[in-house]
Amino acid sequence: MKDPEAQKNLCQNKTARYSYEILETLEAGIVLSGPEVKSLRNGGGNIKDSYAHVKNAEVFLNNFHISPYAQASNIHYDPTCPRKLLLHRREILRLNGKVKEKGLTLVPLRLYIKGNRIKVELGLAKGRRAHSKKDVIKERDILRDTAREVKSWR
């Protein structure tokens, strides 16, 4: 019997955690058509350059590329069209306030299957400067080296 909370990653934005400081994460649903879901399950999604924005009390995901599904009858569609994200009204209003007030951005971190639904993990992020990125790389290298030394002592 399958676990209903089991999650399978469909695509991940690996550069987001490097380029941005993620302050908070939240889960959102996404509105997709049938062939788009089939394409995503086959690995046809790319969220590398995508971003989310609030417009008219709704959240949209832009530049999220879904490859056309080969066996679909409606092949002629825009693979990077804006897609609506499903959030509660108070979450949208809170995010909109933070984005406008503090200059934060909404970045999709990963797309995954939860149960039988496709979800998007959004991150409320603050951009990093070049020297901050170098500091992150140094910290990661130091942690890796210390973990390696601790493992060799065992």
C-alpha atoms as a PDB file:
ATOM      1  CA  MET A   1       0.000   0.000   0.000  1.00  0.00           C
ATOM      2  CA  LYS A   2       1.375   3.408  -0.984  1.00  0.00           C
ATOM      3  CA  ASP A   3       1.978   6.119   1.576  1.00  0.00           C
ATOM      4  CA  PRO A   4      -0.337   9.116   0.842  1.00  0.00           C
ATOM      5  CA  GLU A   5       2.341  11.523   2.072  1.00  0.00           C
ATOM      6  CA  ALA A   6       5.035  10.098  -0.243  1.00  0.00           C
ATOM      7  CA  GLN A   7       6.571  12.738  -2.465  1.00  0.00           C
ATOM      8  CA  LYS A   8       8.260  12.289  -5.837  1.00  0.00           C
ATOM      9  CA  ASN A   9      10.289  15.185  -7.206  1.00  0.00           C
ATOM     10  CA  LEU A  10       9.424  16.088 -10.795  1.00  0.00           C
ATOM     11  CA  CYS A  11      11.861  18.980 -11.218  1.00  0.00           C
ATOM     12  CA  GLN A  12      13.987  21.114  -8.927  1.00  0.00           C
ATOM     13  CA  ASN A  13      15.466  24.611  -9.062  1.00  0.00           C
ATOM     14  CA  LYS A  14      19.008  23.957  -7.848  1.00  0.00           C
ATOM     15  CA  THR A  15      20.293  27.474  -8.477  1.00  0.00           C
ATOM     16  CA  ALA A  16      17.588  29.128  -6.345  1.00  0.00           C
ATOM     17  CA  ARG A  17      19.167  28.232  -3.003  1.00  0.00           C
ATOM     18  CA  TYR A  18      22.501  29.528  -4.280  1.00  0.00           C
ATOM     19  CA  SER A  19      21.226  32.797  -5.769  1.00  0.00           C
ATOM     20  CA  TYR A  20      18.677  33.606  -3.061  1.00  0.00           C
ATOM     21  CA  GLU A  21      18.455  33.463   0.696  1.00  0.00           C
ATOM     22  CA  ILE A  22      15.241  31.515   1.336  1.00  0.00           C
ATOM     23  CA  LEU A  23      13.409  33.030   4.313  1.00  0.00           C
ATOM     24  CA  GLU A  24      10.256  30.923   4.215  1.00  0.00           C
ATOM     25  CA  THR A  25       8.774  28.100   2.157  1.00  0.00           C
ATOM     26  CA  LEU A  26       5.174  27.189   1.426  1.00  0.00           C
ATOM     27  CA  GLU A  27       3.281  24.626  -0.605  1.00  0.00           C
ATOM     28  CA  ALA A  28       0.907  25.559  -3.420  1.00  0.00           C
ATOM     29  CA  GLY A  29      -1.182  23.632  -5.893  1.00  0.00           C
ATOM     30  CA  ILE A  30      -0.953  24.353  -9.609  1.00  0.00           C
ATOM     31  CA  VAL A  31      -3.610  24.414 -12.332  1.00  0.00           C
ATOM     32  CA  LEU A  32      -2.593  22.096 -15.194  1.00  0.00           C
ATOM     33  CA  SER A  33      -4.284  20.328 -18.076  1.00  0.00           C
ATOM     34  CA  GLY A  34      -4.108  16.554 -18.610  1.00  0.00           C
ATOM     35  CA  PRO A  35      -1.337  16.497 -21.234  1.00  0.00           C
ATOM     36  CA  GLU A  36       0.747  18.861 -19.088  1.00  0.00           C
ATOM     37  CA  VAL A  37       0.500  16.462 -16.155  1.00  0.00           C
ATOM     38  CA  LYS A  38       1.508  13.531 -18.383  1.00  0.00           C
ATOM     39  CA  SER A  39       4.473  15.499 -19.702  1.00  0.00           C
ATOM     40  CA  LEU A  40       5.593  16.426 -16.173  1.00  0.00           C
ATOM     41  CA  ARG A  41       5.357  12.814 -15.020  1.00  0.00           C
ATOM     42  CA  ASN A  42       7.633  11.899 -17.954  1.00  0.00           C
ATOM     43  CA  GLY A  43      10.192  14.522 -16.863  1.00  0.00           C
ATOM     44  CA  GLY A  44       9.233  17.321 -19.259  1.00  0.00           C
ATOM     45  CA  GLY A  45       9.341  20.262 -16.823  1.00  0.00           C
ATOM     46  CA  ASN A  46      11.903  23.002 -16.191  1.00  0.00           C
ATOM     47  CA  ILE A  47      11.558  25.606 -13.408  1.00  0.00           C
ATOM     48  CA  LYS A  48      15.104  26.976 -13.598  1.00  0.00           C
ATOM     49  CA  ASP A  49      14.261  30.517 -14.779  1.00  0.00           C
ATOM     50  CA  SER A  50      10.716  30.708 -13.455  1.00  0.00           C
ATOM     51  CA  TYR A  51       9.284  33.075 -10.862  1.00  0.00           C
ATOM     52  CA  ALA A  52       5.930  33.732  -9.227  1.00  0.00           C
ATOM     53  CA  HIS A  53       4.051  37.007  -8.893  1.00  0.00           C
ATOM     54  CA  VAL A  54       0.770  38.215  -7.413  1.00  0.00           C
ATOM     55  CA  LYS A  55      -1.736  39.787  -9.796  1.00  0.00           C
ATOM     56  CA  ASN A  56      -5.344  40.668  -8.918  1.00  0.00           C
ATOM     57  CA  ALA A  57      -5.243  38.623  -5.678  1.00  0.00           C
ATOM     58  CA  GLU A  58      -4.056  35.533  -7.604  1.00  0.00           C
ATOM     59  CA  VAL A  59      -0.585  34.013  -7.828  1.00  0.00           C
ATOM     60  CA  PHE A  60       0.851  33.049 -11.214  1.00  0.00           C
ATOM     61  CA  LEU A  61       3.972  31.098 -12.121  1.00  0.00           C
ATOM     62  CA  ASN A  62       5.813  32.583 -15.122  1.00  0.00           C
ATOM     63  CA  ASN A  63       8.485  31.060 -17.394  1.00  0.00           C
ATOM     64  CA  PHE A  64       7.724  27.541 -16.171  1.00  0.00           C
ATOM     65  CA  HIS A  65       8.412  25.392 -19.222  1.00  0.00           C
ATOM     66  CA  ILE A  66       6.414  22.197 -19.776  1.00  0.00           C
ATOM     67  CA  SER A  67       7.376  20.270 -22.892  1.00  0.00           C
ATOM     68  CA  PRO A  68       4.476  19.306 -25.194  1.00  0.00           C
ATOM     69  CA  TYR A  69       3.222  15.769 -24.649  1.00  0.00           C
ATOM     70  CA  ALA A  70       3.802  13.788 -27.845  1.00  0.00           C
ATOM     71  CA  GLN A  71       0.612  11.692 -27.683  1.00  0.00           C
ATOM     72  CA  ALA A  72      -1.694  14.670 -26.950  1.00  0.00           C
ATOM     73  CA  SER A  73      -4.194  15.882 -29.537  1.00  0.00           C
ATOM     74  CA  ASN A  74      -3.814  19.593 -28.661  1.00  0.00           C
ATOM     75  CA  ILE A  75      -0.142  19.965 -29.479  1.00  0.00           C
ATOM     76  CA  HIS A  76      -0.324  23.692 -30.259  1.00  0.00           C
ATOM     77  CA  TYR A  77       0.000  25.441 -26.899  1.00  0.00           C
ATOM     78  CA  ASP A  78       2.492  27.825 -25.342  1.00  0.00           C
ATOM     79  CA  PRO A  79       4.899  25.784 -23.161  1.00  0.00           C
ATOM     80  CA  THR A  80       5.813  28.828 -21.021  1.00  0.00           C
ATOM     81  CA  CYS A  81       2.367  30.369 -20.497  1.00  0.00           C
ATOM     82  CA  PRO A  82       1.610  31.698 -16.978  1.00  0.00           C
ATOM     83  CA  ARG A  83       0.085  29.036 -14.745  1.00  0.00           C
ATOM     84  CA  LYS A  84      -2.167  29.778 -11.797  1.00  0.00           C
ATOM     85  CA  LEU A  85      -1.096  28.659  -8.339  1.00  0.00           C
ATOM     86  CA  LEU A  86      -3.664  27.628  -5.750  1.00  0.00           C
ATOM     87  CA  LEU A  87      -3.298  29.249  -2.328  1.00  0.00           C
ATOM     88  CA  HIS A  88      -5.656  30.447   0.384  1.00  0.00           C
ATOM     89  CA  ARG A  89      -6.724  34.090   0.155  1.00  0.00           C
ATOM     90  CA  ARG A  90      -5.011  35.101   3.412  1.00  0.00           C
ATOM     91  CA  GLU A  91      -1.751  33.460   2.270  1.00  0.00           C
ATOM     92  CA  ILE A  92      -1.891  35.412  -0.989  1.00  0.00           C
ATOM     93  CA  LEU A  93      -2.522  38.703   0.833  1.00  0.00           C
ATOM     94  CA  ARG A  94       0.316  38.022   3.291  1.00  0.00           C
ATOM     95  CA  LEU A  95       2.735  37.154   0.476  1.00  0.00           C
ATOM     96  CA  ASN A  96       1.688  40.204  -1.532  1.00  0.00           C
ATOM     97  CA  GLY A  97       2.367  42.443   1.470  1.00  0.00           C
ATOM     98  CA  LYS A  98       5.809  40.970   2.058  1.00  0.00           C
ATOM     99  CA  VAL A  99       6.773  41.147  -1.618  1.00  0.00           C
ATOM    100  CA  LYS A 100       5.712  44.803  -1.925  1.00  0.00           C
ATOM    101  CA  GLU A 101       6.928  46.015   1.459  1.00  0.00           C
ATOM    102  CA  LYS A 102      10.275  44.264   1.894  1.00  0.00           C
ATOM    103  CA  GLY A 103      11.295  43.767  -1.740  1.00  0.00           C
ATOM    104  CA  LEU A 104      11.270  39.982  -1.534  1.00  0.00           C
ATOM    105  CA  THR A 105      10.557  37.638  -4.438  1.00  0.00           C
ATOM    106  CA  LEU A 106       8.637  34.400  -4.847  1.00  0.00           C
ATOM    107  CA  VAL A 107      10.838  31.668  -6.302  1.00  0.00           C
ATOM    108  CA  PRO A 108       9.670  28.121  -7.090  1.00  0.00           C
ATOM    109  CA  LEU A 109      12.070  25.672  -5.472  1.00  0.00           C
ATOM    110  CA  ARG A 110      10.710  22.331  -6.656  1.00  0.00           C
ATOM    111  CA  LEU A 111       7.759  20.614  -8.271  1.00  0.00           C
ATOM    112  CA  TYR A 112       6.631  17.324  -6.774  1.00  0.00           C
ATOM    113  CA  ILE A 113       3.790  14.822  -6.558  1.00  0.00           C
ATOM    114  CA  LYS A 114       2.058  14.553  -3.195  1.00  0.00           C
ATOM    115  CA  GLY A 115      -0.528  11.805  -3.163  1.00  0.00           C
ATOM    116  CA  ASN A 116      -2.092  12.184  -6.609  1.00  0.00           C
ATOM    117  CA  ARG A 117      -1.689  15.960  -6.844  1.00  0.00           C
ATOM    118  CA  ILE A 118       1.135  18.051  -8.273  1.00  0.00           C
ATOM    119  CA  LYS A 119       2.433  20.677  -5.856  1.00  0.00           C
ATOM    120  CA  VAL A 120       4.905  23.552  -6.094  1.00  0.00           C
ATOM    121  CA  GLU A 121       7.201  24.501  -3.230  1.00  0.00           C
ATOM    122  CA  LEU A 122       7.509  28.293  -3.249  1.00  0.00           C
ATOM    123  CA  GLY A 123      10.221  30.160  -1.406  1.00  0.00           C
ATOM    124  CA  LEU A 124       9.950  33.712  -0.130  1.00  0.00           C
ATOM    125  CA  ALA A 125      13.453  34.803  -1.037  1.00  0.00           C
ATOM    126  CA  LYS A 126      15.854  37.689  -0.771  1.00  0.00           C
ATOM    127  CA  GLY A 127      18.517  38.098  -3.462  1.00  0.00           C
ATOM    128  CA  ARG A 128      22.167  37.545  -2.595  1.00  0.00           C
ATOM    129  CA  ARG A 129      25.059  39.697  -3.635  1.00  0.00           C
ATOM    130  CA  ALA A 130      28.163  38.201  -5.271  1.00  0.00           C
ATOM    131  CA  HIS A 131      30.255  38.274  -2.079  1.00  0.00           C
ATOM    132  CA  SER A 132      27.449  36.548  -0.155  1.00  0.00           C
ATOM    133  CA  LYS A 133      27.449  33.743  -2.717  1.00  0.00           C
ATOM    134  CA  LYS A 134      31.195  33.280  -2.175  1.00  0.00           C
ATOM    135  CA  ASP A 135      30.651  33.104   1.588  1.00  0.00           C
ATOM    136  CA  VAL A 136      28.018  30.392   1.101  1.00  0.00           C
ATOM    137  CA  ILE A 137      30.476  28.353  -0.984  1.00  0.00           C
ATOM    138  CA  LYS A 138      33.177  28.747   1.706  1.00  0.00           C
ATOM    139  CA  GLU A 139      30.807  27.646   4.474  1.00  0.00           C
ATOM    140  CA  ARG A 140      29.704  24.622   2.465  1.00  0.00           C
ATOM    141  CA  ASP A 141      33.341  23.625   1.799  1.00  0.00           C
ATOM    142  CA  ILE A 142      34.220  23.976   5.483  1.00  0.00           C
ATOM    143  CA  LEU A 143      31.259  21.831   6.526  1.00  0.00           C
ATOM    144  CA  ARG A 144      32.174  19.193   3.949  1.00  0.00           C
ATOM    145  CA  ASP A 145      35.817  19.116   5.124  1.00  0.00           C
ATOM    146  CA  THR A 146      34.874  18.821   8.803  1.00  0.00           C
ATOM    147  CA  ALA A 147      32.385  16.041   8.034  1.00  0.00           C
ATOM    148  CA  ARG A 148      35.100  14.217   6.090  1.00  0.00           C
ATOM    149  CA  GLU A 149      37.553  14.538   9.003  1.00  0.00           C
ATOM    150  CA  VAL A 150      34.991  13.365  11.557  1.00  0.00           C
ATOM    151  CA  LYS A 151      34.201  10.368   9.372  1.00  0.00           C
ATOM    152  CA  SER A 152      37.892   9.456   9.091  1.00  0.00           C
ATOM    153  CA  TRP A 153      38.306   9.524  12.903  1.00  0.00           C
ATOM    154  CA  ARG A 154      35.601   6.885  13.367  1.00  0.00           C
END
